[in-house]
Amino acid sequence: MIVHARLEDARLEPAPIRPEWVMEGQPLARSAELSRSPDGTALTALWDCTAGTFNWFFAGDETVHILEGEVLVSGDDGVRTLKAGDVALFPAGTWSTWRVPQYVKKVAFCRDPLPKPVLKFVGAVRAVKRRLKGGAAAPGGLVPASA
């Protein structure tokens, strides 16, 4: 089964930022779910936000692709400007400060993190597969379709 969505057909609904996280301005955020995995551990969403500064906590892993506008993201490793075309990963457990000068729109790929014992098991399986194939795994640790 393939789940398909068109960005231009997405109905963005209010997705308020927690008031205690807002540091400056009155940012208004909206979102629309585009897809969800059958097991509920991964989803894709469209999200946008008007000008403002706020803190954000990423409970799960989130990869963002900025479609329009820009955001200055501050974290433990400094400040990064993300603008249209940029992609960034925010690992589960990350706190960051988002400063949206005017407007930002993104596609977010969200995934619940696997428990550490499961990650160790997956790592062991990938290591065995690499040894059996006599080389490295495909980018991102993915197993090629021919495997």
Protein backbone atom coordinates (compact mmCIF):
# COMPACT_ATOMS: atom_id res chain seq x y z
CA MET A 1 0.00 0.00 0.00
CA ILE A 2 1.29 3.46 -0.89
CA VAL A 3 0.00 6.49 1.00
CA HIS A 4 -0.02 9.58 -1.18
CA ALA A 5 -0.65 13.25 -0.36
CA ARG A 6 -0.36 16.48 -2.28
CA LEU A 7 1.05 19.45 -0.35
CA GLU A 8 -1.25 21.89 -2.10
CA ASP A 9 -4.28 19.84 -0.98
CA ALA A 10 -3.26 19.73 2.69
CA ARG A 11 -5.64 21.53 5.04
CA LEU A 12 -3.50 23.27 7.63
CA GLU A 13 -5.24 23.40 11.01
CA PRO A 14 -4.22 25.45 14.07
CA ALA A 15 -1.38 23.80 16.01
CA PRO A 16 -0.75 26.23 18.88
CA ILE A 17 2.71 26.46 20.37
CA ARG A 18 2.65 25.97 24.14
CA PRO A 19 2.30 29.49 25.63
CA GLU A 20 5.11 28.89 28.16
CA TRP A 21 7.48 28.15 25.26
CA VAL A 22 6.83 31.45 23.45
CA MET A 23 9.62 33.93 24.14
CA GLU A 24 8.80 36.74 21.72
CA GLY A 25 5.93 37.72 19.44
CA GLN A 26 2.74 35.81 18.82
CA PRO A 27 3.76 32.97 16.50
CA LEU A 28 0.81 31.18 14.95
CA ALA A 29 1.53 27.61 13.87
CA ARG A 30 -0.57 25.29 11.74
CA SER A 31 -0.11 21.68 10.67
CA ALA A 32 -1.60 18.93 8.56
CA GLU A 33 -0.81 15.23 8.75
CA LEU A 34 0.18 13.95 5.32
CA SER A 35 0.85 10.29 6.12
CA ARG A 36 1.26 7.87 9.02
CA SER A 37 2.90 4.44 9.14
CA PRO A 38 0.59 1.48 9.83
CA ASP A 39 2.25 0.91 13.22
CA GLY A 40 1.89 4.59 14.16
CA THR A 41 5.61 5.13 14.81
CA ALA A 42 6.28 7.44 11.85
CA LEU A 43 4.40 10.30 10.27
CA THR A 44 4.87 13.05 7.74
CA ALA A 45 3.36 16.48 8.37
CA LEU A 46 3.18 19.87 6.76
CA TRP A 47 3.76 22.72 9.26
CA ASP A 48 3.99 26.46 9.03
CA CYS A 49 4.48 29.32 11.46
CA THR A 50 4.39 33.12 11.50
CA ALA A 51 7.01 35.40 13.08
CA GLY A 52 8.10 34.83 16.66
CA THR A 53 10.63 33.16 18.93
CA PHE A 54 9.88 30.02 20.92
CA ASN A 55 11.44 26.96 22.50
CA TRP A 56 10.67 23.56 21.02
CA PHE A 57 11.16 20.03 22.35
CA PHE A 58 11.48 17.11 19.92
CA ALA A 59 10.05 14.05 21.65
CA GLY A 60 10.85 11.89 18.61
CA ASP A 61 13.37 12.07 15.79
CA GLU A 62 12.32 14.74 13.29
CA THR A 63 13.82 15.51 9.92
CA VAL A 64 12.63 18.80 8.48
CA HIS A 65 12.74 20.05 4.90
CA ILE A 66 12.21 23.80 4.72
CA LEU A 67 9.90 24.71 1.84
CA GLU A 68 9.46 28.47 2.32
CA GLY A 69 10.89 31.21 4.50
CA GLU A 70 13.56 30.71 7.10
CA VAL A 71 14.16 29.97 10.75
CA LEU A 72 17.18 30.54 13.00
CA VAL A 73 17.54 27.49 15.22
CA SER A 74 19.63 27.66 18.40
CA GLY A 75 20.79 24.54 20.18
CA ASP A 76 23.67 23.19 22.24
CA ASP A 77 25.91 23.39 19.17
CA GLY A 78 25.19 27.01 18.18
CA VAL A 79 22.84 28.75 15.78
CA ARG A 80 21.91 27.55 12.32
CA THR A 81 19.85 29.31 9.68
CA LEU A 82 17.53 26.96 7.83
CA LYS A 83 15.96 28.28 4.64
CA ALA A 84 14.10 26.92 1.63
CA GLY A 85 15.79 23.76 0.38
CA ASP A 86 17.58 22.96 3.67
CA VAL A 87 17.14 19.68 5.52
CA ALA A 88 17.96 19.15 9.21
CA LEU A 89 17.61 16.33 11.71
CA PHE A 90 16.53 16.96 15.30
CA PRO A 91 17.15 13.77 17.31
CA ALA A 92 14.65 12.72 19.96
CA GLY A 93 15.21 14.58 23.21
CA THR A 94 16.51 17.77 21.55
CA TRP A 95 15.53 21.20 22.90
CA SER A 96 16.02 24.15 20.57
CA THR A 97 14.98 27.76 20.22
CA TRP A 98 13.31 28.72 16.96
CA ARG A 99 13.34 32.34 15.77
CA VAL A 100 11.10 32.84 12.77
CA PRO A 101 11.79 36.32 11.31
CA GLN A 102 8.67 36.37 9.09
CA TYR A 103 7.32 32.96 8.10
CA VAL A 104 8.49 29.38 7.70
CA LYS A 105 6.91 26.32 6.10
CA LYS A 106 8.32 22.82 6.38
CA VAL A 107 7.64 19.18 5.76
CA ALA A 108 8.45 17.18 8.88
CA PHE A 109 9.30 13.48 8.87
CA CYS A 110 8.73 12.29 12.44
CA ARG A 111 9.71 8.91 13.88
CA ASP A 112 9.42 7.49 17.36
CA PRO A 113 12.88 6.36 18.49
CA LEU A 114 13.50 2.66 19.02
CA PRO A 115 14.34 1.44 22.55
CA LYS A 116 18.10 0.97 23.12
CA PRO A 117 17.92 -2.86 23.29
CA VAL A 118 16.19 -2.90 19.89
CA LEU A 119 18.81 -0.52 18.46
CA LYS A 120 21.60 -2.82 19.65
CA PHE A 121 19.88 -5.78 18.01
CA VAL A 122 19.39 -3.88 14.73
CA GLY A 123 23.06 -2.82 14.79
CA ALA A 124 24.15 -6.43 15.31
CA VAL A 125 21.98 -7.65 12.43
CA ARG A 126 23.36 -4.94 10.12
CA ALA A 127 26.94 -5.86 11.09
CA VAL A 128 26.29 -9.53 10.26
CA LYS A 129 24.74 -8.57 6.90
CA ARG A 130 27.77 -6.40 6.07
CA ARG A 131 30.14 -9.25 6.89
CA LEU A 132 28.11 -11.72 4.82
CA LYS A 133 28.07 -9.35 1.84
CA GLY A 134 31.76 -8.58 2.25
CA GLY A 135 31.37 -4.82 2.36
CA ALA A 136 29.60 -1.83 3.75
CA ALA A 137 25.87 -1.33 3.89
CA ALA A 138 24.11 1.15 1.64
CA PRO A 139 23.94 4.80 2.75
CA GLY A 140 22.09 5.24 6.03
CA GLY A 141 22.59 1.57 6.90
CA LEU A 142 19.85 0.54 4.49
CA VAL A 143 19.98 -2.87 2.94
CA PRO A 144 19.89 -2.72 -0.88
CA ALA A 145 16.73 -4.11 -2.52
CA SER A 146 18.74 -6.98 -4.00
CA ALA A 147 19.63 -8.29 -0.53
